[in-house]
């Protein structure tokens, strides 16, 4: 009975191992766009001790 569990777990691990780089790339696009957009837009408007 436990052999079936390990077989399914191992199969899911292999699938995740293959898909992980694509998943990380797609998950990091949105935060990067957010940081770039707000950093660029807000950077021009924020003044700290006379510096922009």
Protein backbone atom coordinates (compact mmCIF):
# COMPACT_ATOMS: atom_id res chain seq x y z
CA UNK A 1 0.00 0.00 0.00
CA UNK A 2 2.78 2.46 0.81
CA UNK A 3 4.53 1.66 -2.47
CA UNK A 4 1.65 3.28 -4.33
CA UNK A 5 1.98 6.38 -2.18
CA UNK A 6 5.68 6.68 -2.90
CA UNK A 7 5.13 6.10 -6.61
CA UNK A 8 2.58 8.92 -6.80
CA UNK A 9 4.74 11.20 -4.66
CA UNK A 10 7.79 10.50 -6.82
CA UNK A 11 5.81 11.16 -10.02
CA UNK A 12 4.57 14.49 -8.67
CA UNK A 13 8.11 15.39 -7.62
CA UNK A 14 9.40 14.71 -11.14
CA UNK A 15 6.64 16.82 -12.67
CA UNK A 16 7.36 19.70 -10.28
CA UNK A 17 11.08 19.41 -10.95
CA UNK A 18 10.43 19.83 -14.67
CA UNK A 19 7.93 22.69 -14.31
CA UNK A 20 9.60 24.61 -11.47
CA UNK A 21 11.74 27.01 -13.59
CA UNK A 22 8.73 28.04 -15.69
CA UNK A 23 6.59 28.48 -12.59
CA UNK A 24 9.19 30.66 -10.87
CA UNK A 25 9.63 32.79 -13.98
CA UNK A 26 5.90 33.36 -14.35
CA UNK A 27 5.41 34.07 -10.63
CA UNK A 28 8.17 36.67 -10.56
CA UNK A 29 6.95 38.73 -13.54
CA UNK A 30 4.06 40.45 -11.75
CA UNK A 31 6.03 41.63 -8.69
CA UNK A 32 8.87 42.85 -10.90
CA UNK A 33 6.49 44.84 -13.08
CA UNK A 34 4.86 46.29 -9.95
CA UNK A 35 8.21 47.35 -8.48
CA UNK A 36 9.43 48.82 -11.76
CA UNK A 37 6.19 50.71 -12.44
CA UNK A 38 5.79 52.17 -8.97
CA UNK A 39 9.50 52.74 -8.49
CA UNK A 40 9.74 54.69 -11.72
CA UNK A 41 6.46 56.57 -11.27
CA UNK A 42 6.86 57.37 -7.57
CA UNK A 43 10.58 58.04 -7.79
CA UNK A 44 9.98 61.27 -9.70
CA UNK A 45 7.39 62.56 -7.22
CA UNK A 46 9.10 61.73 -3.92
CA UNK A 47 11.52 64.25 -2.42
CA UNK A 48 13.75 63.36 0.54
CA UNK A 49 15.82 66.19 2.06
CA UNK A 50 15.73 68.15 -1.19
CA UNK A 51 16.76 65.22 -3.39
CA UNK A 52 14.49 63.40 -5.82
